[in-house]
Structures are given as C-alpha cells and as structure tokens.
Amino acid sequence: MKIDARITLALILALILETAGGLLWAGRAAARLEEVERAVATQPEVAERLARLEEQVAEARRSLSRIERRLDE
C-alpha cells in the first residue's frame, strides 16, 4: 500500500482521534437516551398517582364546603 507523501502522520493521528471522539460521543448519547427512556417508563405510574391525588383533593374540598355550610347554618 503506497501512501501519498502529502498525508502526514499528524493527519492520520487527527483522523484516528476524531473517530475516537465521535465514538465516545455516540456512547454518551446512547447512555443519555437510555436514561431518558427509563424516566419516561415511570411516567404512567406518576400520572396515575397524580390523578388519584387530584381526586382526593377535590373530595376534600367538597367535604370542606359541606362542613362550612353546616357551620354557617
């Protein structure tokens, strides 16, 4: 294999380092994506719990309104 004289060792090293940097970046991006996917997987549980809490607060407000009406009578 014959290498052109214009291609220096520094250019080859730069290409190798760029490739390594790209691979590291892709690995970190994949790790972040997995973390986001895990967080999104827990969202349905959180949404369900939030809906239950909202209903409990609404029931507490209705009870408080009934108590206040009785006290005003």
Protein backbone atom coordinates (compact mmCIF):
# COMPACT_ATOMS: atom_id res chain seq x y z
CA MET A 1 0.00 0.00 0.00
CA LYS A 2 1.50 3.28 -1.08
CA ILE A 3 0.70 6.43 0.91
CA ASP A 4 0.74 9.82 -0.72
CA ALA A 5 3.56 12.00 0.60
CA ARG A 6 1.09 14.77 1.44
CA ILE A 7 -0.59 12.56 4.04
CA THR A 8 1.42 13.03 7.19
CA LEU A 9 1.43 11.13 10.44
CA ALA A 10 -0.29 14.11 12.08
CA LEU A 11 -3.19 13.87 9.64
CA ILE A 12 -3.58 10.15 10.26
CA LEU A 13 -3.43 10.72 14.03
CA ALA A 14 -6.01 13.52 13.74
CA LEU A 15 -8.39 11.22 11.85
CA ILE A 16 -7.98 8.49 14.46
CA LEU A 17 -8.61 10.96 17.29
CA GLU A 18 -11.66 12.40 15.52
CA THR A 19 -13.07 8.91 15.03
CA ALA A 20 -12.43 8.02 18.68
CA GLY A 21 -14.10 11.25 19.80
CA GLY A 22 -17.11 10.51 17.62
CA LEU A 23 -17.42 7.02 19.08
CA LEU A 24 -17.19 8.37 22.63
CA TRP A 25 -19.83 10.99 21.86
CA ALA A 26 -22.14 8.33 20.41
CA GLY A 27 -21.66 6.16 23.50
CA ARG A 28 -22.55 9.03 25.83
CA ALA A 29 -25.57 9.92 23.71
CA ALA A 30 -26.78 6.31 23.89
CA ALA A 31 -26.38 6.32 27.68
CA ARG A 32 -28.37 9.56 27.98
CA LEU A 33 -31.07 8.13 25.73
CA GLU A 34 -31.37 5.04 27.92
CA GLU A 35 -31.71 7.26 30.99
CA VAL A 36 -34.49 9.26 29.33
CA GLU A 37 -36.27 6.06 28.30
CA ARG A 38 -36.17 4.81 31.89
CA ALA A 39 -37.59 8.11 33.13
CA VAL A 40 -40.38 8.03 30.55
CA ALA A 41 -41.22 4.45 31.51
CA THR A 42 -42.07 5.65 35.04
CA GLN A 43 -44.31 8.47 33.79
CA PRO A 44 -47.54 6.40 33.56
CA GLU A 45 -47.22 5.49 37.25
CA VAL A 46 -46.68 9.12 38.19
CA ALA A 47 -49.59 10.28 36.05
CA GLU A 48 -51.90 7.72 37.64
CA ARG A 49 -50.83 8.69 41.16
CA LEU A 50 -51.30 12.37 40.32
CA ALA A 51 -54.83 11.72 39.06
CA ARG A 52 -55.69 9.91 42.27
CA LEU A 53 -54.27 12.74 44.37
CA GLU A 54 -56.25 15.31 42.40
CA GLU A 55 -59.44 13.36 43.02
CA GLN A 56 -58.66 13.12 46.75
CA VAL A 57 -58.07 16.88 46.93
CA ALA A 58 -61.33 17.52 45.10
CA GLU A 59 -63.18 15.26 47.56
CA ALA A 60 -61.55 17.05 50.49
CA ARG A 61 -62.69 20.40 49.08
CA ARG A 62 -66.26 19.11 48.71
CA SER A 63 -66.19 17.87 52.30
CA LEU A 64 -64.83 21.19 53.50
CA SER A 65 -67.60 23.04 51.66
CA ARG A 66 -70.24 20.85 53.33
CA ILE A 67 -68.68 21.45 56.75
CA GLU A 68 -68.56 25.22 56.17
CA ARG A 69 -72.23 25.25 55.05
CA ARG A 70 -73.27 23.39 58.22
CA LEU A 71 -71.29 25.77 60.41
CA ASP A 72 -72.90 28.77 58.72
CA GLU A 73 -76.42 27.45 59.41
